[in-house]
Structures are given as structure tokens and as C-alpha cells.
């Protein structure tokens, strides 16, 4: 029998944070997801270059046992989103 999980969403967390991209790394014990918000973009040193300043809006550490579950959930949600919006995610 599966345990019942009761999840609460604190008011302070409910609005969420905007992330323009995510970086993923790992340690022997967990995977680290850094959700990054772009603060500003400006011309780089070389012609045509752009330098982007970002700030980690949220860092989430995930146990390795959960990574495959996250991947499956993302694939399922992406497929549902594509079906609902008629748009395809960028490859």
C-alpha cells in the first residue's frame, strides 16, 4: 500500500520565481538544479559578443533516486503542453 502524502504550499513560495534557464550539476549524493534569472545582457568585448548576467533564483537539491521520476514527469508535461497549445518546444 502506497503512503498518502499531504503537501502544503506556503504563501511565501506560492508565487514562484521566473527562471530563464536551469543549470544542472551533481555531487556523489544529489543532483543540483540552479534555476537562473537573466538580470541583464550587454555587448561583450569582441564584436557581436553578448555578455549575460544571471542570478540563481532558486537552488534545488534532488536525490538521485528522484531524477528519473522528474525526467518522466517533464516528458509527460511537455507532451501535454504541446498538445494543449499546438506548439512544439524548441529542440
PDB file of N, CA and C in Angstrom:
ATOM      1  N   UNK A   1       0.842  -1.184   0.000  1.00  0.00           N
ATOM      2  CA  UNK A   1       0.000   0.000   0.000  1.00  0.00           C
ATOM      3  C   UNK A   1       0.885   1.245   0.000  1.00  0.00           C
ATOM      4  N   UNK A   2       0.587   2.170  -0.912  1.00  0.00           N
ATOM      5  CA  UNK A   2       1.346   3.413  -1.019  1.00  0.00           C
ATOM      6  C   UNK A   2       0.968   4.362   0.113  1.00  0.00           C
ATOM      7  N   UNK A   3       1.950   5.041   0.695  1.00  0.00           N
ATOM      8  CA  UNK A   3       1.616   6.021   1.730  1.00  0.00           C
ATOM      9  C   UNK A   3       0.924   7.240   1.113  1.00  0.00           C
ATOM     10  N   UNK A   4       0.084   7.884   1.884  1.00  0.00           N
ATOM     11  CA  UNK A   4      -0.564   9.119   1.460  1.00  0.00           C
ATOM     12  C   UNK A   4       0.358  10.279   1.802  1.00  0.00           C
ATOM     13  N   UNK A   5       0.579  11.162   0.837  1.00  0.00           N
ATOM     14  CA  UNK A   5       1.444  12.315   1.073  1.00  0.00           C
ATOM     15  C   UNK A   5       0.601  13.580   1.054  1.00  0.00           C
ATOM     16  N   UNK A   6       0.674  14.331   2.113  1.00  0.00           N
ATOM     17  CA  UNK A   6      -0.007  15.620   2.196  1.00  0.00           C
ATOM     18  C   UNK A   6       1.027  16.713   1.981  1.00  0.00           C
ATOM     19  N   UNK A   7       0.826  17.517   0.947  1.00  0.00           N
ATOM     20  CA  UNK A   7       1.796  18.550   0.582  1.00  0.00           C
ATOM     21  C   UNK A   7       1.169  19.918   0.798  1.00  0.00           C
ATOM     22  N   UNK A   8       1.895  20.785   1.483  1.00  0.00           N
ATOM     23  CA  UNK A   8       1.420  22.157   1.668  1.00  0.00           C
ATOM     24  C   UNK A   8       2.262  23.101   0.812  1.00  0.00           C
ATOM     25  N   UNK A   9       1.677  24.206   0.431  1.00  0.00           N
ATOM     26  CA  UNK A   9       2.361  25.225  -0.356  1.00  0.00           C
ATOM     27  C   UNK A   9       2.313  26.530   0.428  1.00  0.00           C
ATOM     28  N   UNK A  10       3.419  26.876   1.099  1.00  0.00           N
ATOM     29  CA  UNK A  10       3.434  28.112   1.886  1.00  0.00           C
ATOM     30  C   UNK A  10       3.159  29.332   1.002  1.00  0.00           C
ATOM     31  N   UNK A  11       2.463  30.303   1.565  1.00  0.00           N
ATOM     32  CA  UNK A  11       2.142  31.526   0.827  1.00  0.00           C
ATOM     33  C   UNK A  11       3.381  32.205   0.263  1.00  0.00           C
ATOM     34  N   UNK A  12       4.474  32.157   1.010  1.00  0.00           N
ATOM     35  CA  UNK A  12       5.703  32.825   0.575  1.00  0.00           C
ATOM     36  C   UNK A  12       6.321  32.156  -0.650  1.00  0.00           C
ATOM     37  N   UNK A  13       5.986  30.897  -0.901  1.00  0.00           N
ATOM     38  CA  UNK A  13       6.548  30.150  -2.025  1.00  0.00           C
ATOM     39  C   UNK A  13       5.568  30.097  -3.197  1.00  0.00           C
ATOM     40  N   UNK A  14       4.293  30.257  -2.928  1.00  0.00           N
ATOM     41  CA  UNK A  14       3.242  30.081  -3.929  1.00  0.00           C
ATOM     42  C   UNK A  14       3.422  30.883  -5.214  1.00  0.00           C
ATOM     43  N   UNK A  15       3.877  32.146  -5.172  1.00  0.00           N
ATOM     44  CA  UNK A  15       4.018  32.889  -6.426  1.00  0.00           C
ATOM     45  C   UNK A  15       5.073  32.302  -7.365  1.00  0.00           C
ATOM     46  N   UNK A  16       6.032  31.560  -6.830  1.00  0.00           N
ATOM     47  CA  UNK A  16       7.103  31.006  -7.651  1.00  0.00           C
ATOM     48  C   UNK A  16       8.110  32.073  -8.048  1.00  0.00           C
ATOM     49  N   UNK A  17       9.098  31.664  -8.816  1.00  0.00           N
ATOM     50  CA  UNK A  17      10.109  32.575  -9.347  1.00  0.00           C
ATOM     51  C   UNK A  17      10.274  32.286 -10.833  1.00  0.00           C
ATOM     52  N   UNK A  18      10.583  33.318 -11.607  1.00  0.00           N
ATOM     53  CA  UNK A  18      10.827  33.146 -13.031  1.00  0.00           C
ATOM     54  C   UNK A  18      12.244  32.636 -13.231  1.00  0.00           C
ATOM     55  N   UNK A  19      12.394  31.610 -14.042  1.00  0.00           N
ATOM     56  CA  UNK A  19      13.721  31.115 -14.396  1.00  0.00           C
ATOM     57  C   UNK A  19      13.830  31.128 -15.917  1.00  0.00           C
ATOM     58  N   UNK A  20      14.872  31.796 -16.415  1.00  0.00           N
ATOM     59  CA  UNK A  20      15.107  31.837 -17.856  1.00  0.00           C
ATOM     60  C   UNK A  20      15.800  30.574 -18.347  1.00  0.00           C
ATOM     61  N   UNK A  21      16.556  29.950 -17.459  1.00  0.00           N
ATOM     62  CA  UNK A  21      17.174  28.665 -17.783  1.00  0.00           C
ATOM     63  C   UNK A  21      17.601  27.977 -16.498  1.00  0.00           C
ATOM     64  N   UNK A  22      17.999  26.724 -16.638  1.00  0.00           N
ATOM     65  CA  UNK A  22      18.434  25.944 -15.480  1.00  0.00           C
ATOM     66  C   UNK A  22      19.779  25.296 -15.794  1.00  0.00           C
ATOM     67  N   UNK A  23      20.658  25.293 -14.818  1.00  0.00           N
ATOM     68  CA  UNK A  23      21.899  24.535 -14.935  1.00  0.00           C
ATOM     69  C   UNK A  23      21.786  23.351 -13.984  1.00  0.00           C
ATOM     70  N   UNK A  24      22.370  22.236 -14.390  1.00  0.00           N
ATOM     71  CA  UNK A  24      22.278  21.021 -13.585  1.00  0.00           C
ATOM     72  C   UNK A  24      23.671  20.461 -13.374  1.00  0.00           C
ATOM     73  N   UNK A  25      23.981  20.165 -12.130  1.00  0.00           N
ATOM     74  CA  UNK A  25      25.256  19.528 -11.785  1.00  0.00           C
ATOM     75  C   UNK A  25      24.953  18.434 -10.767  1.00  0.00           C
ATOM     76  N   UNK A  26      25.991  17.756 -10.316  1.00  0.00           N
ATOM     77  CA  UNK A  26      25.755  16.695  -9.338  1.00  0.00           C
ATOM     78  C   UNK A  26      26.946  16.529  -8.406  1.00  0.00           C
ATOM     79  N   UNK A  27      26.667  15.947  -7.280  1.00  0.00           N
ATOM     80  CA  UNK A  27      27.678  15.519  -6.319  1.00  0.00           C
ATOM     81  C   UNK A  27      27.469  14.014  -6.165  1.00  0.00           C
ATOM     82  N   UNK A  28      28.281  13.341  -5.387  1.00  0.00           N
ATOM     83  CA  UNK A  28      28.024  11.913  -5.174  1.00  0.00           C
ATOM     84  C   UNK A  28      26.663  11.642  -4.511  1.00  0.00           C
ATOM     85  N   UNK A  29      26.105  12.639  -3.828  1.00  0.00           N
ATOM     86  CA  UNK A  29      24.888  12.411  -3.049  1.00  0.00           C
ATOM     87  C   UNK A  29      23.600  12.944  -3.666  1.00  0.00           C
ATOM     88  N   UNK A  30      23.686  13.955  -4.533  1.00  0.00           N
ATOM     89  CA  UNK A  30      22.467  14.523  -5.090  1.00  0.00           C
ATOM     90  C   UNK A  30      22.754  15.298  -6.372  1.00  0.00           C
ATOM     91  N   UNK A  31      21.674  15.604  -7.093  1.00  0.00           N
ATOM     92  CA  UNK A  31      21.734  16.456  -8.273  1.00  0.00           C
ATOM     93  C   UNK A  31      21.333  17.862  -7.845  1.00  0.00           C
ATOM     94  N   UNK A  32      21.970  18.864  -8.452  1.00  0.00           N
ATOM     95  CA  UNK A  32      21.712  20.257  -8.099  1.00  0.00           C
ATOM     96  C   UNK A  32      21.123  20.967  -9.319  1.00  0.00           C
ATOM     97  N   UNK A  33      19.931  21.526  -9.144  1.00  0.00           N
ATOM     98  CA  UNK A  33      19.268  22.301 -10.180  1.00  0.00           C
ATOM     99  C   UNK A  33      19.340  23.767  -9.764  1.00  0.00           C
ATOM    100  N   UNK A  34      20.060  24.581 -10.527  1.00  0.00           N
ATOM    101  CA  UNK A  34      20.115  26.024 -10.285  1.00  0.00           C
ATOM    102  C   UNK A  34      19.227  26.707 -11.321  1.00  0.00           C
ATOM    103  N   UNK A  35      18.131  27.286 -10.864  1.00  0.00           N
ATOM    104  CA  UNK A  35      17.212  28.000 -11.739  1.00  0.00           C
ATOM    105  C   UNK A  35      17.669  29.452 -11.792  1.00  0.00           C
ATOM    106  N   UNK A  36      17.998  29.912 -13.008  1.00  0.00           N
ATOM    107  CA  UNK A  36      18.669  31.203 -13.186  1.00  0.00           C
ATOM    108  C   UNK A  36      17.758  32.206 -13.895  1.00  0.00           C
ATOM    109  N   UNK A  37      17.745  33.421 -13.375  1.00  0.00           N
ATOM    110  CA  UNK A  37      17.034  34.532 -13.992  1.00  0.00           C
ATOM    111  C   UNK A  37      18.058  35.474 -14.617  1.00  0.00           C
ATOM    112  N   UNK A  38      17.820  35.868 -15.872  1.00  0.00           N
ATOM    113  CA  UNK A  38      18.708  36.818 -16.541  1.00  0.00           C
ATOM    114  C   UNK A  38      18.460  38.196 -15.949  1.00  0.00           C
ATOM    115  N   UNK A  39      19.540  38.817 -15.488  1.00  0.00           N
ATOM    116  CA  UNK A  39      19.447  40.145 -14.888  1.00  0.00           C
ATOM    117  C   UNK A  39      19.626  41.217 -15.953  1.00  0.00           C
ATOM    118  N   UNK A  40      20.633  41.025 -16.814  1.00  0.00           N
ATOM    119  CA  UNK A  40      20.845  41.973 -17.909  1.00  0.00           C
ATOM    120  C   UNK A  40      21.754  41.337 -18.956  1.00  0.00           C
ATOM    121  N   UNK A  41      21.662  41.871 -20.156  1.00  0.00           N
ATOM    122  CA  UNK A  41      22.539  41.473 -21.256  1.00  0.00           C
ATOM    123  C   UNK A  41      23.182  42.740 -21.796  1.00  0.00           C
ATOM    124  N   UNK A  42      24.453  42.628 -22.174  1.00  0.00           N
ATOM    125  CA  UNK A  42      25.173  43.801 -22.682  1.00  0.00           C
ATOM    126  C   UNK A  42      26.183  43.333 -23.720  1.00  0.00           C
ATOM    127  N   UNK A  43      26.653  44.251 -24.558  1.00  0.00           N
ATOM    128  CA  UNK A  43      27.654  43.872 -25.560  1.00  0.00           C
ATOM    129  C   UNK A  43      28.915  43.330 -24.891  1.00  0.00           C
ATOM    130  N   UNK A  44      29.498  42.310 -25.506  1.00  0.00           N
ATOM    131  CA  UNK A  44      30.729  41.725 -24.987  1.00  0.00           C
ATOM    132  C   UNK A  44      31.954  42.454 -25.499  1.00  0.00           C
ATOM    133  N   UNK A  45      33.128  41.926 -25.152  1.00  0.00           N
ATOM    134  CA  UNK A  45      34.395  42.553 -25.531  1.00  0.00           C
ATOM    135  C   UNK A  45      34.622  42.493 -27.035  1.00  0.00           C
ATOM    136  N   UNK A  46      34.317  41.360 -27.651  1.00  0.00           N
ATOM    137  CA  UNK A  46      34.507  41.207 -29.095  1.00  0.00           C
ATOM    138  C   UNK A  46      33.219  41.598 -29.821  1.00  0.00           C
ATOM    139  N   UNK A  47      33.387  42.068 -31.046  1.00  0.00           N
ATOM    140  CA  UNK A  47      32.235  42.486 -31.837  1.00  0.00           C
ATOM    141  C   UNK A  47      31.274  41.317 -32.019  1.00  0.00           C
ATOM    142  N   UNK A  48      30.011  41.567 -31.769  1.00  0.00           N
ATOM    143  CA  UNK A  48      28.992  40.533 -31.919  1.00  0.00           C
ATOM    144  C   UNK A  48      28.786  39.680 -30.674  1.00  0.00           C
ATOM    145  N   UNK A  49      29.701  39.785 -29.708  1.00  0.00           N
ATOM    146  CA  UNK A  49      29.551  39.021 -28.464  1.00  0.00           C
ATOM    147  C   UNK A  49      28.534  39.691 -27.549  1.00  0.00           C
ATOM    148  N   UNK A  50      27.892  38.889 -26.759  1.00  0.00           N
ATOM    149  CA  UNK A  50      26.959  39.391 -25.755  1.00  0.00           C
ATOM    150  C   UNK A  50      27.322  38.750 -24.427  1.00  0.00           C
ATOM    151  N   UNK A  51      27.375  39.554 -23.386  1.00  0.00           N
ATOM    152  CA  UNK A  51      27.594  39.040 -22.035  1.00  0.00           C
ATOM    153  C   UNK A  51      26.273  39.105 -21.291  1.00  0.00           C
ATOM    154  N   UNK A  52      25.933  38.011 -20.646  1.00  0.00           N
ATOM    155  CA  UNK A  52      24.669  37.926 -19.920  1.00  0.00           C
ATOM    156  C   UNK A  52      24.957  37.730 -18.443  1.00  0.00           C
ATOM    157  N   UNK A  53      24.357  38.574 -17.625  1.00  0.00           N
ATOM    158  CA  UNK A  53      24.455  38.417 -16.177  1.00  0.00           C
ATOM    159  C   UNK A  53      23.202  37.705 -15.696  1.00  0.00           C
ATOM    160  N   UNK A  54      23.406  36.652 -14.935  1.00  0.00           N
ATOM    161  CA  UNK A  54      22.281  35.912 -14.386  1.00  0.00           C
ATOM    162  C   UNK A  54      22.423  35.770 -12.885  1.00  0.00           C
ATOM    163  N   UNK A  55      21.323  35.485 -12.243  1.00  0.00           N
ATOM    164  CA  UNK A  55      21.322  35.283 -10.801  1.00  0.00           C
ATOM    165  C   UNK A  55      20.506  34.031 -10.502  1.00  0.00           C
ATOM    166  N   UNK A  56      21.049  33.175  -9.636  1.00  0.00           N
ATOM    167  CA  UNK A  56      20.314  31.980  -9.241  1.00  0.00           C
ATOM    168  C   UNK A  56      19.103  32.416  -8.417  1.00  0.00           C
ATOM    169  N   UNK A  57      17.918  32.107  -8.933  1.00  0.00           N
ATOM    170  CA  UNK A  57      16.680  32.454  -8.239  1.00  0.00           C
ATOM    171  C   UNK A  57      16.291  31.376  -7.239  1.00  0.00           C
ATOM    172  N   UNK A  58      16.713  30.144  -7.539  1.00  0.00           N
ATOM    173  CA  UNK A  58      16.401  29.041  -6.639  1.00  0.00           C
ATOM    174  C   UNK A  58      17.367  27.891  -6.908  1.00  0.00           C
ATOM    175  N   UNK A  59      17.843  27.265  -5.852  1.00  0.00           N
ATOM    176  CA  UNK A  59      18.696  26.074  -5.967  1.00  0.00           C
ATOM    177  C   UNK A  59      17.938  24.918  -5.320  1.00  0.00           C
ATOM    178  N   UNK A  60      17.789  23.844  -6.094  1.00  0.00           N
ATOM    179  CA  UNK A  60      17.067  22.678  -5.598  1.00  0.00           C
ATOM    180  C   UNK A  60      17.995  21.473  -5.668  1.00  0.00           C
ATOM    181  N   UNK A  61      18.126  20.773  -4.552  1.00  0.00           N
ATOM    182  CA  UNK A  61      18.938  19.560  -4.488  1.00  0.00           C
ATOM    183  C   UNK A  61      17.996  18.363  -4.496  1.00  0.00           C
ATOM    184  N   UNK A  62      18.279  17.405  -5.393  1.00  0.00           N
ATOM    185  CA  UNK A  62      17.394  16.264  -5.592  1.00  0.00           C
ATOM    186  C   UNK A  62      18.183  14.972  -5.418  1.00  0.00           C
ATOM    187  N   UNK A  63      17.590  14.019  -4.723  1.00  0.00           N
ATOM    188  CA  UNK A  63      18.224  12.716  -4.571  1.00  0.00           C
ATOM    189  C   UNK A  63      18.274  12.004  -5.918  1.00  0.00           C
ATOM    190  N   UNK A  64      19.355  11.262  -6.192  1.00  0.00           N
ATOM    191  CA  UNK A  64      19.464  10.553  -7.468  1.00  0.00           C
ATOM    192  C   UNK A  64      18.257   9.663  -7.766  1.00  0.00           C
ATOM    193  N   UNK A  65      17.663   9.083  -6.755  1.00  0.00           N
ATOM    194  CA  UNK A  65      16.510   8.202  -6.968  1.00  0.00           C
ATOM    195  C   UNK A  65      15.317   8.944  -7.569  1.00  0.00           C
ATOM    196  N   UNK A  66      15.281  10.258  -7.464  1.00  0.00           N
ATOM    197  CA  UNK A  66      14.160  11.038  -7.982  1.00  0.00           C
ATOM    198  C   UNK A  66      14.384  11.583  -9.393  1.00  0.00           C
ATOM    199  N   UNK A  67      15.608  11.526  -9.878  1.00  0.00           N
ATOM    200  CA  UNK A  67      15.923  12.139 -11.171  1.00  0.00           C
ATOM    201  C   UNK A  67      15.128  11.509 -12.307  1.00  0.00           C
ATOM    202  N   UNK A  68      15.020  10.183 -12.343  1.00  0.00           N
ATOM    203  CA  UNK A  68      14.266   9.539 -13.420  1.00  0.00           C
ATOM    204  C   UNK A  68      12.780   9.876 -13.325  1.00  0.00           C
ATOM    205  N   UNK A  69      12.265   9.996 -12.115  1.00  0.00           N
ATOM    206  CA  UNK A  69      10.865  10.388 -11.946  1.00  0.00           C
ATOM    207  C   UNK A  69      10.638  11.807 -12.466  1.00  0.00           C
ATOM    208  N   UNK A  70      11.584  12.688 -12.214  1.00  0.00           N
ATOM    209  CA  UNK A  70      11.490  14.063 -12.717  1.00  0.00           C
ATOM    210  C   UNK A  70      11.535  14.069 -14.240  1.00  0.00           C
ATOM    211  N   UNK A  71      12.431  13.282 -14.821  1.00  0.00           N
ATOM    212  CA  UNK A  71      12.534  13.215 -16.283  1.00  0.00           C
ATOM    213  C   UNK A  71      11.226  12.717 -16.896  1.00  0.00           C
ATOM    214  N   UNK A  72      10.639  11.691 -16.329  1.00  0.00           N
ATOM    215  CA  UNK A  72       9.373  11.162 -16.838  1.00  0.00           C
ATOM    216  C   UNK A  72       8.258  12.197 -16.708  1.00  0.00           C
ATOM    217  N   UNK A  73       8.211  12.881 -15.573  1.00  0.00           N
ATOM    218  CA  UNK A  73       7.174  13.887 -15.362  1.00  0.00           C
ATOM    219  C   UNK A  73       7.336  15.056 -16.334  1.00  0.00           C
ATOM    220  N   UNK A  74       8.576  15.484 -16.574  1.00  0.00           N
ATOM    221  CA  UNK A  74       8.819  16.567 -17.532  1.00  0.00           C
ATOM    222  C   UNK A  74       8.385  16.160 -18.934  1.00  0.00           C
ATOM    223  N   UNK A  75       8.715  14.943 -19.335  1.00  0.00           N
ATOM    224  CA  UNK A  75       8.330  14.463 -20.659  1.00  0.00           C
ATOM    225  C   UNK A  75       6.804  14.421 -20.793  1.00  0.00           C
ATOM    226  N   UNK A  76       6.134  13.942 -19.760  1.00  0.00           N
ATOM    227  CA  UNK A  76       4.675  13.873 -19.773  1.00  0.00           C
ATOM    228  C   UNK A  76       4.060  15.272 -19.830  1.00  0.00           C
ATOM    229  N   UNK A  77       4.549  16.184 -19.020  1.00  0.00           N
ATOM    230  CA  UNK A  77       4.012  17.539 -19.001  1.00  0.00           C
ATOM    231  C   UNK A  77       4.299  18.282 -20.305  1.00  0.00           C
ATOM    232  N   UNK A  78       5.488  18.070 -20.879  1.00  0.00           N
ATOM    233  CA  UNK A  78       5.825  18.706 -22.152  1.00  0.00           C
ATOM    234  C   UNK A  78       4.903  18.219 -23.259  1.00  0.00           C
ATOM    235  N   UNK A  79       4.664  16.922 -23.305  1.00  0.00           N
ATOM    236  CA  UNK A  79       3.773  16.358 -24.312  1.00  0.00           C
ATOM    237  C   UNK A  79       2.363  16.923 -24.163  1.00  0.00           C
ATOM    238  N   UNK A  80       1.891  17.010 -22.940  1.00  0.00           N
ATOM    239  CA  UNK A  80       0.563  17.566 -22.682  1.00  0.00           C
ATOM    240  C   UNK A  80       0.511  19.039 -23.076  1.00  0.00           C
ATOM    241  N   UNK A  81       1.549  19.802 -22.745  1.00  0.00           N
ATOM    242  CA  UNK A  81       1.615  21.222 -23.098  1.00  0.00           C
ATOM    243  C   UNK A  81       1.590  21.396 -24.612  1.00  0.00           C
ATOM    244  N   UNK A  82       2.385  20.579 -25.341  1.00  0.00           N
ATOM    245  CA  UNK A  82       2.412  20.669 -26.807  1.00  0.00           C
ATOM    246  C   UNK A  82       1.036  20.376 -27.389  1.00  0.00           C
ATOM    247  N   UNK A  83       0.357  19.382 -26.839  1.00  0.00           N
ATOM    248  CA  UNK A  83      -0.981  19.031 -27.317  1.00  0.00           C
ATOM    249  C   UNK A  83      -1.974  20.167 -27.056  1.00  0.00           C
ATOM    250  N   UNK A  84      -1.913  20.740 -25.866  1.00  0.00           N
ATOM    251  CA  UNK A  84      -2.860  21.797 -25.488  1.00  0.00           C
ATOM    252  C   UNK A  84      -2.622  23.104 -26.234  1.00  0.00           C
ATOM    253  N   UNK A  85      -1.359  23.442 -26.489  1.00  0.00           N
ATOM    254  CA  UNK A  85      -1.055  24.736 -27.104  1.00  0.00           C
ATOM    255  C   UNK A  85      -0.862  24.663 -28.609  1.00  0.00           C
ATOM    256  N   UNK A  86      -0.640  23.465 -29.134  1.00  0.00           N
ATOM    257  CA  UNK A  86      -0.365  23.326 -30.557  1.00  0.00           C
ATOM    258  C   UNK A  86       1.024  23.785 -30.940  1.00  0.00           C
ATOM    259  N   UNK A  87       1.853  24.042 -29.945  1.00  0.00           N
ATOM    260  CA  UNK A  87       3.224  24.494 -30.192  1.00  0.00           C
ATOM    261  C   UNK A  87       4.182  23.361 -29.862  1.00  0.00           C
ATOM    262  N   UNK A  88       5.342  23.418 -30.497  1.00  0.00           N
ATOM    263  CA  UNK A  88       6.395  22.455 -30.191  1.00  0.00           C
ATOM    264  C   UNK A  88       7.492  23.174 -29.424  1.00  0.00           C
ATOM    265  N   UNK A  89       8.033  22.499 -28.428  1.00  0.00           N
ATOM    266  CA  UNK A  89       9.146  23.071 -27.666  1.00  0.00           C
ATOM    267  C   UNK A  89      10.374  23.130 -28.553  1.00  0.00           C
ATOM    268  N   UNK A  90      11.240  24.095 -28.304  1.00  0.00           N
ATOM    269  CA  UNK A  90      12.483  24.198 -29.071  1.00  0.00           C
ATOM    270  C   UNK A  90      13.349  22.974 -28.813  1.00  0.00           C
ATOM    271  N   UNK A  91      13.948  22.430 -29.885  1.00  0.00           N
ATOM    272  CA  UNK A  91      14.817  21.252 -29.688  1.00  0.00           C
ATOM    273  C   UNK A  91      16.092  21.609 -28.958  1.00  0.00           C
TER     274      UNK A  91
END
